[in-house]
Amino acid sequence: MINATAESHWLAQRAQRLQDTCIDPDTGAITDEKKASLYLRYFTTHTRAFHKSLNALLKLRSEKRKEILGFEAQKRKEEEMRLKNERHELKKQAQAVDLAKKEGQIRHQAAVNAKMRVEGRAFFPVFQTMFAEELAKSAAAKEENPPAAQAA
């Protein structure tokens, strides 16, 4: 494609030089009408071929740039998705840590409650003894001061 562009440019320039040979340098008049017309047609043909191959080359270059940019955009999107997935995984891990922490707190509270129940059972016989003693004291106080005596 580059060779075709260069060749078309060279041939157009050659046709222009040949066309210039058909013009009288002093007067500027065309000396050979037939050859001048033929060289003008060659020049036009090669100029069109040059522009056609140049446009094809520019189009190819543009497509290549778009492909590269598209590839870069695709890589950027993939990187964004990777980061998004990493953030999601970190959130999931943070939630798992919070859940484990709460489970630990619940187990700790259950252990404290169990300890209190055990201590309460150990304290219960002492409490029963103290309660029985208090009941006995109050019963004894009532016997010493019967309610009828208190009313009189």
N, C-alpha and C. Protein backbone atom coordinates (compact mmCIF):
# COMPACT_ATOMS: atom_id res chain seq x y z
N MET A 1 0.83 -1.18 0.00
CA MET A 1 0.00 0.00 0.00
C MET A 1 0.88 1.26 0.00
N ILE A 2 1.92 1.24 0.79
CA ILE A 2 2.85 2.38 0.80
C ILE A 2 3.58 2.47 -0.53
N ASN A 3 3.95 1.31 -1.06
CA ASN A 3 4.63 1.29 -2.37
C ASN A 3 3.72 1.86 -3.45
N ALA A 4 2.44 1.50 -3.42
CA ALA A 4 1.49 2.01 -4.43
C ALA A 4 1.35 3.52 -4.30
N THR A 5 1.32 4.01 -3.09
CA THR A 5 1.20 5.45 -2.87
C THR A 5 2.43 6.17 -3.42
N ALA A 6 3.61 5.66 -3.10
CA ALA A 6 4.86 6.28 -3.57
C ALA A 6 4.95 6.21 -5.10
N GLU A 7 4.58 5.06 -5.65
CA GLU A 7 4.65 4.90 -7.11
C GLU A 7 3.68 5.86 -7.81
N SER A 8 2.48 5.99 -7.28
CA SER A 8 1.49 6.90 -7.89
C SER A 8 1.98 8.34 -7.81
N HIS A 9 2.57 8.69 -6.70
CA HIS A 9 3.10 10.06 -6.56
C HIS A 9 4.22 10.31 -7.58
N TRP A 10 5.13 9.35 -7.71
CA TRP A 10 6.25 9.50 -8.64
C TRP A 10 5.74 9.61 -10.07
N LEU A 11 4.78 8.76 -10.43
CA LEU A 11 4.23 8.78 -11.80
C LEU A 11 3.48 10.09 -12.08
N ALA A 12 2.76 10.61 -11.08
CA ALA A 12 2.06 11.89 -11.28
C ALA A 12 3.07 13.02 -11.49
N GLN A 13 4.16 13.00 -10.71
CA GLN A 13 5.19 14.02 -10.87
C GLN A 13 5.88 13.90 -12.24
N ARG A 14 6.08 12.66 -12.69
CA ARG A 14 6.68 12.42 -14.01
C ARG A 14 5.76 12.94 -15.12
N ALA A 15 4.45 12.67 -14.96
CA ALA A 15 3.49 13.15 -15.97
C ALA A 15 3.49 14.68 -15.99
N GLN A 16 3.64 15.30 -14.83
CA GLN A 16 3.70 16.77 -14.78
C GLN A 16 4.94 17.29 -15.50
N ARG A 17 6.08 16.63 -15.29
CA ARG A 17 7.32 17.06 -15.98
C ARG A 17 7.19 16.89 -17.51
N LEU A 18 6.57 15.76 -17.91
CA LEU A 18 6.38 15.55 -19.35
C LEU A 18 5.41 16.59 -19.93
N GLN A 19 4.41 16.93 -19.15
CA GLN A 19 3.44 17.93 -19.60
C GLN A 19 4.13 19.29 -19.75
N ASP A 20 5.07 19.57 -18.85
CA ASP A 20 5.79 20.83 -18.94
C ASP A 20 6.65 20.93 -20.21
N THR A 21 7.07 19.78 -20.77
CA THR A 21 7.86 19.80 -22.01
C THR A 21 7.01 20.20 -23.22
N CYS A 22 5.68 20.11 -23.07
CA CYS A 22 4.79 20.45 -24.17
C CYS A 22 4.43 21.94 -24.17
N ILE A 23 4.98 22.68 -23.23
CA ILE A 23 4.66 24.11 -23.13
C ILE A 23 5.92 24.90 -23.48
N ASP A 24 5.75 25.93 -24.33
CA ASP A 24 6.86 26.80 -24.71
C ASP A 24 7.20 27.69 -23.51
N PRO A 25 8.45 27.65 -23.03
CA PRO A 25 8.80 28.43 -21.82
C PRO A 25 8.73 29.95 -22.05
N ASP A 26 8.92 30.42 -23.29
CA ASP A 26 8.90 31.86 -23.54
C ASP A 26 7.47 32.40 -23.63
N THR A 27 6.64 31.73 -24.36
CA THR A 27 5.29 32.24 -24.59
C THR A 27 4.25 31.60 -23.67
N GLY A 28 4.51 30.40 -23.18
CA GLY A 28 3.54 29.70 -22.33
C GLY A 28 2.49 28.99 -23.15
N ALA A 29 2.65 28.92 -24.45
CA ALA A 29 1.68 28.27 -25.32
C ALA A 29 2.01 26.79 -25.41
N ILE A 30 0.97 26.00 -25.65
CA ILE A 30 1.14 24.55 -25.78
C ILE A 30 1.68 24.28 -27.17
N THR A 31 2.81 23.53 -27.22
CA THR A 31 3.46 23.24 -28.49
C THR A 31 2.89 21.97 -29.15
N ASP A 32 2.59 20.96 -28.35
CA ASP A 32 2.03 19.71 -28.90
C ASP A 32 0.76 19.40 -28.12
N GLU A 33 -0.37 19.72 -28.72
CA GLU A 33 -1.68 19.59 -28.07
C GLU A 33 -1.99 18.14 -27.71
N LYS A 34 -1.68 17.22 -28.60
CA LYS A 34 -2.01 15.81 -28.39
C LYS A 34 -1.23 15.23 -27.21
N LYS A 35 0.08 15.48 -27.16
CA LYS A 35 0.90 14.97 -26.06
C LYS A 35 0.52 15.63 -24.74
N ALA A 36 0.23 16.91 -24.76
CA ALA A 36 -0.14 17.63 -23.54
C ALA A 36 -1.42 17.04 -22.95
N SER A 37 -2.38 16.72 -23.83
CA SER A 37 -3.63 16.12 -23.39
C SER A 37 -3.38 14.73 -22.79
N LEU A 38 -2.51 13.95 -23.45
CA LEU A 38 -2.18 12.62 -22.96
C LEU A 38 -1.48 12.70 -21.60
N TYR A 39 -0.53 13.60 -21.44
CA TYR A 39 0.20 13.75 -20.17
C TYR A 39 -0.72 14.27 -19.05
N LEU A 40 -1.66 15.11 -19.41
CA LEU A 40 -2.63 15.59 -18.42
C LEU A 40 -3.52 14.43 -17.92
N ARG A 41 -3.92 13.56 -18.86
CA ARG A 41 -4.71 12.39 -18.46
C ARG A 41 -3.89 11.48 -17.56
N TYR A 42 -2.60 11.25 -17.88
CA TYR A 42 -1.73 10.45 -17.03
C TYR A 42 -1.60 11.07 -15.63
N PHE A 43 -1.40 12.38 -15.62
CA PHE A 43 -1.25 13.08 -14.34
C PHE A 43 -2.51 12.90 -13.48
N THR A 44 -3.67 13.09 -14.10
CA THR A 44 -4.94 12.97 -13.37
C THR A 44 -5.13 11.54 -12.87
N THR A 45 -4.84 10.56 -13.69
CA THR A 45 -4.99 9.15 -13.31
C THR A 45 -4.10 8.81 -12.13
N HIS A 46 -2.84 9.22 -12.20
CA HIS A 46 -1.89 8.88 -11.14
C HIS A 46 -2.17 9.68 -9.85
N THR A 47 -2.68 10.89 -10.00
CA THR A 47 -3.04 11.68 -8.82
C THR A 47 -4.21 11.02 -8.10
N ARG A 48 -5.20 10.57 -8.86
CA ARG A 48 -6.34 9.85 -8.26
C ARG A 48 -5.88 8.56 -7.57
N ALA A 49 -4.98 7.82 -8.24
CA ALA A 49 -4.46 6.58 -7.65
C ALA A 49 -3.70 6.88 -6.36
N PHE A 50 -2.94 7.99 -6.38
CA PHE A 50 -2.21 8.39 -5.17
C PHE A 50 -3.18 8.67 -4.02
N HIS A 51 -4.20 9.46 -4.28
CA HIS A 51 -5.15 9.81 -3.23
C HIS A 51 -5.95 8.58 -2.75
N LYS A 52 -6.27 7.69 -3.69
CA LYS A 52 -6.99 6.48 -3.32
C LYS A 52 -6.15 5.62 -2.38
N SER A 53 -4.88 5.41 -2.74
CA SER A 53 -4.03 4.58 -1.89
C SER A 53 -3.69 5.30 -0.58
N LEU A 54 -3.56 6.63 -0.63
CA LEU A 54 -3.31 7.39 0.60
C LEU A 54 -4.50 7.28 1.55
N ASN A 55 -5.71 7.41 1.03
CA ASN A 55 -6.91 7.27 1.87
C ASN A 55 -7.02 5.86 2.45
N ALA A 56 -6.68 4.86 1.64
CA ALA A 56 -6.71 3.48 2.14
C ALA A 56 -5.68 3.31 3.26
N LEU A 57 -4.51 3.90 3.07
CA LEU A 57 -3.47 3.83 4.10
C LEU A 57 -3.91 4.54 5.39
N LEU A 58 -4.50 5.72 5.24
CA LEU A 58 -4.98 6.46 6.42
C LEU A 58 -6.11 5.71 7.12
N LYS A 59 -6.98 5.08 6.33
CA LYS A 59 -8.07 4.30 6.91
C LYS A 59 -7.52 3.11 7.70
N LEU A 60 -6.54 2.45 7.12
CA LEU A 60 -5.92 1.31 7.79
C LEU A 60 -5.24 1.75 9.09
N ARG A 61 -4.54 2.88 9.03
CA ARG A 61 -3.88 3.41 10.23
C ARG A 61 -4.91 3.79 11.29
N SER A 62 -6.01 4.38 10.88
CA SER A 62 -7.07 4.75 11.81
C SER A 62 -7.68 3.52 12.46
N GLU A 63 -7.93 2.48 11.66
CA GLU A 63 -8.48 1.24 12.21
C GLU A 63 -7.52 0.61 13.21
N LYS A 64 -6.24 0.66 12.89
CA LYS A 64 -5.23 0.10 13.79
C LYS A 64 -5.23 0.88 15.11
N ARG A 65 -5.31 2.21 15.03
CA ARG A 65 -5.36 3.03 16.26
C ARG A 65 -6.61 2.72 17.07
N LYS A 66 -7.74 2.59 16.38
CA LYS A 66 -8.99 2.26 17.08
C LYS A 66 -8.88 0.90 17.75
N GLU A 67 -8.25 -0.02 17.06
CA GLU A 67 -8.07 -1.35 17.62
C GLU A 67 -7.21 -1.28 18.88
N ILE A 68 -6.13 -0.50 18.80
CA ILE A 68 -5.25 -0.35 19.97
C ILE A 68 -5.99 0.34 21.09
N LEU A 69 -6.71 1.42 20.76
CA LEU A 69 -7.47 2.13 21.79
C LEU A 69 -8.58 1.25 22.34
N GLY A 70 -9.21 0.50 21.46
CA GLY A 70 -10.25 -0.42 21.91
C GLY A 70 -9.68 -1.49 22.83
N PHE A 71 -8.49 -1.96 22.50
CA PHE A 71 -7.84 -2.95 23.33
C PHE A 71 -7.49 -2.35 24.68
N GLU A 72 -7.01 -1.10 24.65
CA GLU A 72 -6.69 -0.42 25.91
C GLU A 72 -7.96 -0.19 26.73
N ALA A 73 -9.04 0.19 26.07
CA ALA A 73 -10.31 0.38 26.78
C ALA A 73 -10.79 -0.94 27.36
N GLN A 74 -10.61 -2.01 26.60
CA GLN A 74 -11.01 -3.32 27.09
C GLN A 74 -10.17 -3.70 28.30
N LYS A 75 -8.87 -3.43 28.23
CA LYS A 75 -7.99 -3.72 29.38
C LYS A 75 -8.40 -2.89 30.59
N ARG A 76 -8.77 -1.63 30.34
CA ARG A 76 -9.20 -0.75 31.43
C ARG A 76 -10.49 -1.28 32.07
N LYS A 77 -11.42 -1.73 31.23
CA LYS A 77 -12.67 -2.30 31.76
C LYS A 77 -12.40 -3.57 32.56
N GLU A 78 -11.50 -4.40 32.05
CA GLU A 78 -11.15 -5.62 32.78
C GLU A 78 -10.53 -5.28 34.13
N GLU A 79 -9.66 -4.26 34.15
CA GLU A 79 -9.04 -3.84 35.41
C GLU A 79 -10.08 -3.30 36.38
N GLU A 80 -11.05 -2.53 35.87
CA GLU A 80 -12.12 -2.02 36.72
C GLU A 80 -12.95 -3.16 37.29
N MET A 81 -13.24 -4.17 36.47
CA MET A 81 -14.00 -5.33 36.95
C MET A 81 -13.20 -6.10 38.00
N ARG A 82 -11.90 -6.22 37.79
CA ARG A 82 -11.06 -6.91 38.76
C ARG A 82 -11.07 -6.18 40.10
N LEU A 83 -10.94 -4.86 40.05
CA LEU A 83 -10.97 -4.05 41.27
C LEU A 83 -12.33 -4.15 41.96
N LYS A 84 -13.39 -4.14 41.17
CA LYS A 84 -14.73 -4.26 41.73
C LYS A 84 -14.90 -5.60 42.43
N ASN A 85 -14.40 -6.67 41.79
CA ASN A 85 -14.48 -8.00 42.39
C ASN A 85 -13.65 -8.07 43.67
N GLU A 86 -12.47 -7.43 43.67
CA GLU A 86 -11.64 -7.41 44.87
C GLU A 86 -12.35 -6.69 46.00
N ARG A 87 -12.97 -5.54 45.70
CA ARG A 87 -13.71 -4.81 46.73
C ARG A 87 -14.85 -5.66 47.28
N HIS A 88 -15.53 -6.37 46.38
CA HIS A 88 -16.63 -7.23 46.80
C HIS A 88 -16.11 -8.34 47.73
N GLU A 89 -14.99 -8.93 47.35
CA GLU A 89 -14.41 -9.99 48.19
C GLU A 89 -13.99 -9.44 49.55
N LEU A 90 -13.44 -8.24 49.57
CA LEU A 90 -13.05 -7.62 50.85
C LEU A 90 -14.28 -7.36 51.72
N LYS A 91 -15.37 -6.92 51.10
CA LYS A 91 -16.60 -6.70 51.85
C LYS A 91 -17.11 -8.02 52.43
N LYS A 92 -17.05 -9.08 51.61
CA LYS A 92 -17.49 -10.39 52.09
C LYS A 92 -16.62 -10.85 53.26
N GLN A 93 -15.32 -10.62 53.17
CA GLN A 93 -14.42 -11.01 54.26
C GLN A 93 -14.71 -10.18 55.50
N ALA A 94 -14.97 -8.88 55.34
CA ALA A 94 -15.29 -8.02 56.48
C ALA A 94 -16.59 -8.49 57.14
N GLN A 95 -17.56 -8.87 56.35
CA GLN A 95 -18.82 -9.38 56.91
C GLN A 95 -18.58 -10.68 57.65
N ALA A 96 -17.73 -11.53 57.11
CA ALA A 96 -17.43 -12.80 57.78
C ALA A 96 -16.73 -12.54 59.12
N VAL A 97 -15.83 -11.54 59.15
CA VAL A 97 -15.15 -11.19 60.39
C VAL A 97 -16.16 -10.64 61.40
N ASP A 98 -17.04 -9.76 60.95
CA ASP A 98 -18.08 -9.22 61.85
C ASP A 98 -18.96 -10.34 62.39
N LEU A 99 -19.33 -11.26 61.54
CA LEU A 99 -20.16 -12.39 61.96
C LEU A 99 -19.43 -13.24 62.99
N ALA A 100 -18.15 -13.50 62.75
CA ALA A 100 -17.37 -14.29 63.70
C ALA A 100 -17.24 -13.56 65.03
N LYS A 101 -17.08 -12.23 64.96
CA LYS A 101 -16.98 -11.42 66.18
C LYS A 101 -18.28 -11.50 66.98
N LYS A 102 -19.40 -11.37 66.30
CA LYS A 102 -20.70 -11.44 66.98
C LYS A 102 -20.94 -12.83 67.56
N GLU A 103 -20.56 -13.86 66.80
CA GLU A 103 -20.69 -15.21 67.33
C GLU A 103 -19.84 -15.38 68.58
N GLY A 104 -18.64 -14.80 68.57
CA GLY A 104 -17.77 -14.85 69.74
C GLY A 104 -18.40 -14.14 70.93
N GLN A 105 -19.01 -12.99 70.68
CA GLN A 105 -19.69 -12.26 71.75
C GLN A 105 -20.84 -13.08 72.32
N ILE A 106 -21.59 -13.72 71.45
CA ILE A 106 -22.72 -14.54 71.89
C ILE A 106 -22.21 -15.71 72.73
N ARG A 107 -21.16 -16.36 72.28
CA ARG A 107 -20.60 -17.48 73.03
C ARG A 107 -20.06 -17.02 74.39
N HIS A 108 -19.43 -15.85 74.38
CA HIS A 108 -18.92 -15.30 75.64
C HIS A 108 -20.08 -15.04 76.61
N GLN A 109 -21.15 -14.43 76.09
CA GLN A 109 -22.30 -14.14 76.95
C GLN A 109 -22.94 -15.44 77.45
N ALA A 110 -22.99 -16.45 76.59
CA ALA A 110 -23.53 -17.74 77.01
C ALA A 110 -22.66 -18.35 78.11
N ALA A 111 -21.34 -18.20 77.98
CA ALA A 111 -20.44 -18.72 79.01
C ALA A 111 -20.64 -17.97 80.32
N VAL A 112 -20.80 -16.63 80.24
CA VAL A 112 -21.04 -15.83 81.45
C VAL A 112 -22.34 -16.25 82.09
N ASN A 113 -23.38 -16.46 81.29
CA ASN A 113 -24.68 -16.89 81.81
C ASN A 113 -24.57 -18.26 82.47
N ALA A 114 -23.85 -19.18 81.81
CA ALA A 114 -23.68 -20.51 82.38
C ALA A 114 -22.93 -20.43 83.71
N LYS A 115 -21.92 -19.58 83.75
CA LYS A 115 -21.16 -19.40 84.99
C LYS A 115 -22.05 -18.87 86.10
N MET A 116 -22.90 -17.91 85.75
CA MET A 116 -23.81 -17.34 86.75
C MET A 116 -24.80 -18.40 87.24
N ARG A 117 -25.29 -19.25 86.32
CA ARG A 117 -26.20 -20.31 86.75
C ARG A 117 -25.51 -21.28 87.70
N VAL A 118 -24.26 -21.61 87.34
CA VAL A 118 -23.51 -22.53 88.20
C VAL A 118 -23.26 -21.89 89.56
N GLU A 119 -22.87 -20.61 89.54
CA GLU A 119 -22.64 -19.91 90.80
C GLU A 119 -23.95 -19.76 91.58
N GLY A 120 -25.05 -19.54 90.88
CA GLY A 120 -26.35 -19.42 91.52
C GLY A 120 -26.74 -20.73 92.19
N ARG A 121 -26.47 -21.84 91.55
CA ARG A 121 -26.77 -23.15 92.15
C ARG A 121 -25.89 -23.37 93.39
N ALA A 122 -24.66 -22.92 93.27
CA ALA A 122 -23.78 -23.08 94.42
C ALA A 122 -24.24 -22.17 95.55
N PHE A 123 -24.78 -21.01 95.21
CA PHE A 123 -25.24 -20.05 96.21
C PHE A 123 -26.61 -20.44 96.75
N PHE A 124 -27.39 -21.16 95.96
CA PHE A 124 -28.76 -21.49 96.33
C PHE A 124 -28.89 -22.20 97.67
N PRO A 125 -28.08 -23.22 97.95
CA PRO A 125 -28.21 -23.86 99.28
C PRO A 125 -27.93 -22.87 100.42
N VAL A 126 -26.97 -22.00 100.24
CA VAL A 126 -26.69 -20.99 101.27
C VAL A 126 -27.89 -20.08 101.43
N PHE A 127 -28.49 -19.69 100.29
CA PHE A 127 -29.66 -18.82 100.33
C PHE A 127 -30.82 -19.52 101.03
N GLN A 128 -31.02 -20.80 100.72
CA GLN A 128 -32.10 -21.54 101.37
C GLN A 128 -31.89 -21.59 102.88
N THR A 129 -30.67 -21.80 103.27
CA THR A 129 -30.38 -21.85 104.72
C THR A 129 -30.66 -20.49 105.34
N MET A 130 -30.23 -19.42 104.73
CA MET A 130 -30.46 -18.08 105.27
C MET A 130 -31.94 -17.77 105.30
N PHE A 131 -32.68 -18.18 104.28
CA PHE A 131 -34.12 -17.93 104.22
C PHE A 131 -34.83 -18.69 105.34
N ALA A 132 -34.42 -19.93 105.51
CA ALA A 132 -35.01 -20.74 106.58
C ALA A 132 -34.75 -20.10 107.94
N GLU A 133 -33.56 -19.59 108.13
CA GLU A 133 -33.22 -18.94 109.41
C GLU A 133 -34.08 -17.69 109.61
N GLU A 134 -34.27 -16.93 108.55
CA GLU A 134 -35.09 -15.71 108.66
C GLU A 134 -36.54 -16.07 108.95
N LEU A 135 -37.03 -17.12 108.31
CA LEU A 135 -38.40 -17.57 108.58
C LEU A 135 -38.55 -18.00 110.04
N ALA A 136 -37.55 -18.70 110.49
CA ALA A 136 -37.60 -19.17 111.89
C ALA A 136 -37.60 -17.99 112.84
N LYS A 137 -36.79 -16.96 112.53
CA LYS A 137 -36.74 -15.78 113.40
C LYS A 137 -38.07 -15.06 113.39
N SER A 138 -38.67 -14.92 112.22
CA SER A 138 -39.94 -14.22 112.15
C SER A 138 -41.04 -15.03 112.82
N ALA A 139 -40.99 -16.35 112.70
CA ALA A 139 -41.99 -17.20 113.37
C ALA A 139 -41.82 -17.08 114.88
N ALA A 140 -40.58 -17.04 115.29
CA ALA A 140 -40.32 -16.92 116.73
C ALA A 140 -40.80 -15.56 117.22
N ALA A 141 -40.64 -14.54 116.45
CA ALA A 141 -41.07 -13.21 116.85
C ALA A 141 -42.58 -13.16 116.92
N LYS A 142 -43.23 -13.85 116.02
CA LYS A 142 -44.69 -13.87 116.03
C LYS A 142 -45.21 -14.63 117.25
N GLU A 143 -44.51 -15.69 117.63
CA GLU A 143 -44.95 -16.45 118.80
C GLU A 143 -44.76 -15.63 120.08
N GLU A 144 -43.77 -14.86 120.11
CA GLU A 144 -43.55 -14.05 121.30
C GLU A 144 -44.59 -12.94 121.35
N ASN A 145 -44.96 -12.43 120.25
CA ASN A 145 -45.98 -11.38 120.18
C ASN A 145 -47.12 -11.89 119.34
N PRO A 146 -48.09 -12.64 119.93
CA PRO A 146 -49.20 -13.13 119.13
C PRO A 146 -50.04 -11.95 118.61
N PRO A 147 -50.76 -12.13 117.53
CA PRO A 147 -51.52 -11.06 116.96
C PRO A 147 -52.65 -10.58 117.87
N ALA A 148 -53.22 -11.45 118.65
CA ALA A 148 -54.30 -11.04 119.58
C ALA A 148 -53.74 -10.11 120.63
N ALA A 149 -52.54 -10.37 121.06
CA ALA A 149 -51.94 -9.54 122.09
C ALA A 149 -51.60 -8.20 121.50
N GLN A 150 -51.28 -8.19 120.29
CA GLN A 150 -50.93 -6.93 119.67
C GLN A 150 -52.19 -6.07 119.49
N ALA A 151 -53.35 -6.72 119.26
CA ALA A 151 -54.58 -5.98 119.03
C ALA A 151 -55.11 -5.39 120.32
N ALA A 152 -54.86 -6.04 121.48
CA ALA A 152 -55.39 -5.56 122.74
C ALA A 152 -54.63 -4.45 123.26
